[in-house]
Amino acid sequence: MPIVDHATRLITCKLVYYGPGRSGKTTNLTYLHSALPNGQVGTLTSLATRRDRTLFFDYLPVELGTVGAYNVRFQLYTVPGQPYYRSIRQLVLQGADGIVFVADSQRHRWSDNLESLQDMHACLAEHGVDARALPLVMQYNKQDLPASLAVSVADLSVALNFRAVPEFAGDALHGVGVFDTLRSLGMRVLKRLGADEGTESAKRAARALRTPVSSPRITSGDVPMGLYADAAVTAAVA
């Protein structure tokens, strides 16, 4: 649930990127952190395990507006996707206000996606959380791969998106769909906090979450940078 600091009039919401190992969760956060303006993001922290990483950083859009008299900050987390890190995933998932499920579109990862989604629901249930009431967005990553290697968005949607939540095709390595995914989840979390999507405050939030890339801070490593481009997406709103 959100953390409310009455002294600073700040509401902090936790957004978790969930999915199988190497599906693109880390790439999503790395891209976001490199692309957003310096004044809007905190330090990117990486907790390395043997084969995976947990990343997190604070995100405070300057144009977010308020919920009531309070500003809103997002804390973005990834979870390690390898099966034997379940206890870490469960710990990171605790207190989540919204989830991005990052599916790997590669054909040989079909069962991994299904198992990870089942694991997510089981972990939420163990925390006493009704997954149907929690804001959720689906991202089908690696859709840049040829059709012979990647499952289509339509087929992934049938298999994974039984709640008919917003869903996005993604190529997180190059930023395609990354901001669309974050913006959609952020708006759903704001709406749950009581922000009417038709208000000027909510519109400012949408504009802030649409921040384009102009001068990325990361120029080498895992994520090649480029200008942000919207993905061609079919979104079904629950």
Protein backbone atom coordinates (compact mmCIF):
# COMPACT_ATOMS: atom_id res chain seq x y z
CA MET A 1 0.00 0.00 0.00
CA PRO A 2 1.16 3.61 -0.52
CA ILE A 3 3.39 5.21 2.12
CA VAL A 4 2.07 8.59 3.19
CA ASP A 5 4.42 11.16 4.72
CA HIS A 6 2.19 13.86 6.19
CA ALA A 7 5.13 16.08 7.13
CA THR A 8 6.34 16.42 3.54
CA ARG A 9 2.91 15.82 1.95
CA LEU A 10 4.31 13.02 -0.17
CA ILE A 11 2.69 9.74 -1.20
CA THR A 12 5.15 7.03 -2.28
CA CYS A 13 3.85 4.20 -4.47
CA LYS A 14 5.76 1.02 -5.25
CA LEU A 15 5.72 -0.28 -8.84
CA VAL A 16 7.23 -3.73 -9.43
CA TYR A 17 8.40 -5.18 -12.75
CA TYR A 18 7.76 -8.93 -12.62
CA GLY A 19 8.39 -11.75 -15.08
CA PRO A 20 10.66 -14.68 -15.94
CA GLY A 21 14.43 -14.38 -15.84
CA ARG A 22 15.99 -12.34 -18.65
CA SER A 23 12.63 -11.24 -20.02
CA GLY A 24 13.64 -7.57 -20.02
CA LYS A 25 12.72 -6.27 -16.56
CA THR A 26 16.21 -4.93 -15.87
CA THR A 27 16.42 -3.48 -19.39
CA ASN A 28 13.15 -1.59 -18.82
CA LEU A 29 14.41 0.06 -15.65
CA THR A 30 17.87 0.76 -17.01
CA TYR A 31 16.36 2.45 -20.05
CA LEU A 32 13.93 4.49 -17.96
CA HIS A 33 16.64 5.64 -15.56
CA SER A 34 18.94 6.67 -18.40
CA ALA A 35 16.21 8.48 -20.32
CA LEU A 36 14.44 10.46 -17.61
CA PRO A 37 15.77 13.92 -16.62
CA ASN A 38 18.29 14.00 -13.77
CA GLY A 39 15.99 15.96 -11.49
CA GLN A 40 13.24 13.38 -11.68
CA VAL A 41 15.08 10.19 -10.73
CA GLY A 42 17.06 8.98 -7.77
CA THR A 43 20.14 6.79 -7.76
CA LEU A 44 19.84 3.50 -9.64
CA THR A 45 20.64 0.77 -7.12
CA SER A 46 21.52 -2.75 -8.21
CA LEU A 47 21.56 -5.75 -5.87
CA ALA A 48 23.33 -8.51 -7.76
CA THR A 49 22.61 -12.19 -7.26
CA ARG A 50 24.58 -14.99 -8.91
CA ARG A 51 22.65 -14.91 -12.19
CA ASP A 52 20.26 -11.98 -11.93
CA ARG A 53 19.82 -8.51 -10.47
CA THR A 54 17.26 -6.54 -8.50
CA LEU A 55 17.16 -2.88 -9.51
CA PHE A 56 15.30 0.02 -7.98
CA PHE A 57 15.16 3.81 -8.08
CA ASP A 58 12.82 6.65 -7.15
CA TYR A 59 10.91 8.54 -9.83
CA LEU A 60 9.32 11.90 -9.07
CA PRO A 61 7.76 13.53 -12.16
CA VAL A 62 7.88 17.29 -11.67
CA GLU A 63 4.60 17.66 -13.57
CA LEU A 64 2.76 14.94 -11.71
CA GLY A 65 0.43 17.24 -9.85
CA THR A 66 -1.19 16.14 -6.63
CA VAL A 67 -3.61 13.65 -5.15
CA GLY A 68 -5.53 15.81 -2.75
CA ALA A 69 -2.84 18.06 -1.24
CA TYR A 70 -0.08 15.46 -1.68
CA ASN A 71 2.60 14.98 -4.30
CA VAL A 72 3.18 11.45 -5.59
CA ARG A 73 6.47 9.61 -6.05
CA PHE A 74 6.95 6.21 -7.66
CA GLN A 75 9.53 3.67 -6.51
CA LEU A 76 10.34 1.31 -9.40
CA TYR A 77 11.63 -2.19 -8.65
CA THR A 78 12.54 -5.30 -10.60
CA VAL A 79 12.58 -8.83 -9.21
CA PRO A 80 15.07 -11.60 -10.03
CA GLY A 81 13.24 -13.98 -12.32
CA GLN A 82 15.17 -17.21 -11.76
CA PRO A 83 12.97 -19.83 -10.02
CA TYR A 84 15.28 -20.28 -7.04
CA TYR A 85 14.99 -16.60 -6.06
CA ARG A 86 11.33 -16.90 -5.12
CA SER A 87 11.90 -15.66 -1.55
CA ILE A 88 13.49 -12.47 -2.90
CA ARG A 89 10.64 -11.95 -5.36
CA GLN A 90 8.12 -12.39 -2.60
CA LEU A 91 9.95 -9.85 -0.44
CA VAL A 92 10.18 -7.26 -3.24
CA LEU A 93 6.53 -7.79 -4.16
CA GLN A 94 5.37 -7.02 -0.62
CA GLY A 95 3.53 -3.71 -0.50
CA ALA A 96 3.39 -3.28 -4.29
CA ASP A 97 0.83 -0.74 -5.52
CA GLY A 98 1.07 -1.81 -9.15
CA ILE A 99 2.80 -4.43 -11.29
CA VAL A 100 4.20 -4.60 -14.81
CA PHE A 101 4.39 -8.20 -15.97
CA VAL A 102 7.19 -8.40 -18.53
CA ALA A 103 6.72 -11.47 -20.71
CA ASP A 104 9.47 -12.82 -22.96
CA SER A 105 8.07 -13.13 -26.49
CA GLN A 106 10.58 -15.77 -27.56
CA ARG A 107 8.82 -19.00 -28.48
CA HIS A 108 10.99 -21.18 -26.26
CA ARG A 109 10.03 -19.05 -23.20
CA TRP A 110 6.28 -19.80 -23.47
CA SER A 111 6.13 -22.05 -20.40
CA ASP A 112 8.43 -19.72 -18.44
CA ASN A 113 5.94 -16.88 -18.91
CA LEU A 114 3.04 -19.01 -17.70
CA GLU A 115 4.97 -20.27 -14.67
CA SER A 116 6.10 -16.76 -13.74
CA LEU A 117 2.56 -15.38 -13.96
CA GLN A 118 1.29 -18.21 -11.75
CA ASP A 119 4.14 -17.54 -9.32
CA MET A 120 3.22 -13.85 -9.17
CA HIS A 121 -0.39 -14.64 -8.28
CA ALA A 122 0.75 -17.16 -5.65
CA CYS A 123 3.14 -14.65 -4.05
CA LEU A 124 0.42 -12.00 -3.93
CA ALA A 125 -1.99 -14.49 -2.35
CA GLU A 126 0.59 -15.30 0.31
CA HIS A 127 0.69 -11.58 1.12
CA GLY A 128 -3.10 -11.58 1.38
CA VAL A 129 -3.47 -9.48 -1.78
CA ASP A 130 -6.26 -10.06 -4.29
CA ALA A 131 -4.43 -9.87 -7.62
CA ARG A 132 -7.65 -8.85 -9.37
CA ALA A 133 -7.78 -5.62 -7.36
CA LEU A 134 -4.15 -4.61 -7.99
CA PRO A 135 -3.28 -2.38 -10.98
CA LEU A 136 -1.54 -4.55 -13.59
CA VAL A 137 -0.11 -3.90 -17.05
CA MET A 138 1.30 -6.49 -19.45
CA GLN A 139 4.36 -5.89 -21.62
CA TYR A 140 5.29 -8.42 -24.32
CA ASN A 141 8.99 -7.75 -24.71
CA LYS A 142 11.32 -8.68 -27.59
CA GLN A 143 8.66 -8.13 -30.23
CA ASP A 144 11.45 -6.84 -32.48
CA LEU A 145 12.48 -10.45 -33.14
CA PRO A 146 11.36 -12.11 -36.39
CA ALA A 147 8.06 -14.00 -36.39
CA SER A 148 9.89 -17.31 -36.57
CA LEU A 149 11.36 -16.62 -33.11
CA ALA A 150 8.70 -14.53 -31.36
CA VAL A 151 5.11 -15.30 -30.37
CA SER A 152 2.64 -12.68 -31.60
CA VAL A 153 1.03 -10.15 -29.27
CA ALA A 154 -2.37 -11.67 -30.04
CA ASP A 155 -1.30 -15.16 -28.97
CA LEU A 156 0.45 -13.91 -25.84
CA SER A 157 -2.63 -11.90 -24.95
CA VAL A 158 -4.86 -14.96 -25.14
CA ALA A 159 -2.50 -16.99 -22.97
CA LEU A 160 -1.54 -14.39 -20.35
CA ASN A 161 -3.97 -11.47 -20.30
CA PHE A 162 -7.08 -13.14 -18.92
CA ARG A 163 -7.94 -9.95 -17.00
CA ALA A 164 -7.93 -7.86 -20.20
CA VAL A 165 -5.62 -5.27 -18.65
CA PRO A 166 -3.65 -2.79 -20.79
CA GLU A 167 -1.02 -4.60 -22.84
CA PHE A 168 1.93 -3.35 -24.84
CA ALA A 169 4.32 -4.70 -27.43
CA GLY A 170 7.86 -3.93 -26.38
CA ASP A 171 11.46 -3.75 -27.43
CA ALA A 172 12.92 -2.59 -24.13
CA LEU A 173 16.48 -2.68 -25.46
CA HIS A 174 15.66 0.27 -27.72
CA GLY A 175 12.95 1.84 -25.55
CA VAL A 176 9.94 0.87 -27.65
CA GLY A 177 6.90 0.52 -25.38
CA VAL A 178 8.87 1.29 -22.22
CA PHE A 179 7.29 4.68 -21.49
CA ASP A 180 3.87 3.52 -22.68
CA THR A 181 3.99 0.71 -20.12
CA LEU A 182 5.07 2.95 -17.23
CA ARG A 183 2.58 5.66 -18.16
CA SER A 184 -0.31 3.18 -18.26
CA LEU A 185 0.51 1.65 -14.90
CA GLY A 186 1.15 5.05 -13.32
CA MET A 187 -2.26 6.30 -14.41
CA ARG A 188 -3.99 3.19 -13.07
CA VAL A 189 -2.26 3.60 -9.71
CA LEU A 190 -3.19 7.29 -9.61
CA LYS A 191 -6.78 6.43 -10.41
CA ARG A 192 -6.80 3.93 -7.56
CA LEU A 193 -5.48 6.66 -5.27
CA GLY A 194 -8.50 8.74 -6.15
CA ALA A 195 -7.21 10.83 -9.05
CA ASP A 196 -9.88 11.20 -11.71
CA GLU A 197 -8.36 10.53 -15.13
CA GLY A 198 -10.34 13.46 -16.50
CA THR A 199 -8.84 16.03 -14.13
CA GLU A 200 -6.12 18.45 -15.11
CA SER A 201 -3.86 16.89 -12.45
CA ALA A 202 -4.17 13.46 -14.05
CA LYS A 203 -3.54 14.94 -17.50
CA ARG A 204 -0.32 16.52 -16.18
CA ALA A 205 0.66 13.11 -14.83
CA ALA A 206 0.17 11.55 -18.24
CA ARG A 207 2.33 14.22 -19.86
CA ALA A 208 5.06 13.71 -17.26
CA LEU A 209 5.08 9.95 -17.82
CA ARG A 210 5.45 10.60 -21.55
CA THR A 211 8.82 12.32 -21.10
CA PRO A 212 10.91 11.79 -24.29
CA VAL A 213 14.58 10.95 -24.39
CA SER A 214 16.83 13.84 -25.35
CA SER A 215 20.23 13.29 -23.73
CA PRO A 216 20.60 9.80 -22.20
CA ARG A 217 23.11 9.46 -19.37
CA ILE A 218 24.11 5.90 -20.31
CA THR A 219 26.01 5.55 -23.54
CA SER A 220 27.42 2.04 -23.23
CA GLY A 221 26.68 -1.26 -21.52
CA ASP A 222 23.56 -3.34 -21.75
CA VAL A 223 21.25 -0.76 -23.29
CA PRO A 224 22.01 1.12 -26.52
CA MET A 225 20.28 4.47 -26.37
CA GLY A 226 18.15 6.17 -28.97
CA LEU A 227 15.26 8.56 -29.21
CA TYR A 228 12.09 7.33 -27.54
CA ALA A 229 9.50 6.04 -29.99
CA ASP A 230 5.97 4.90 -29.21
CA ALA A 231 5.19 1.29 -29.98
CA ALA A 232 2.22 0.31 -32.09
CA VAL A 233 0.05 -1.04 -29.33
CA THR A 234 -3.35 -2.53 -28.78
CA ALA A 235 -4.50 -1.68 -25.25
CA ALA A 236 -7.51 -3.24 -23.61
CA VAL A 237 -8.57 -1.37 -20.49
CA ALA A 238 -9.99 -3.47 -17.67
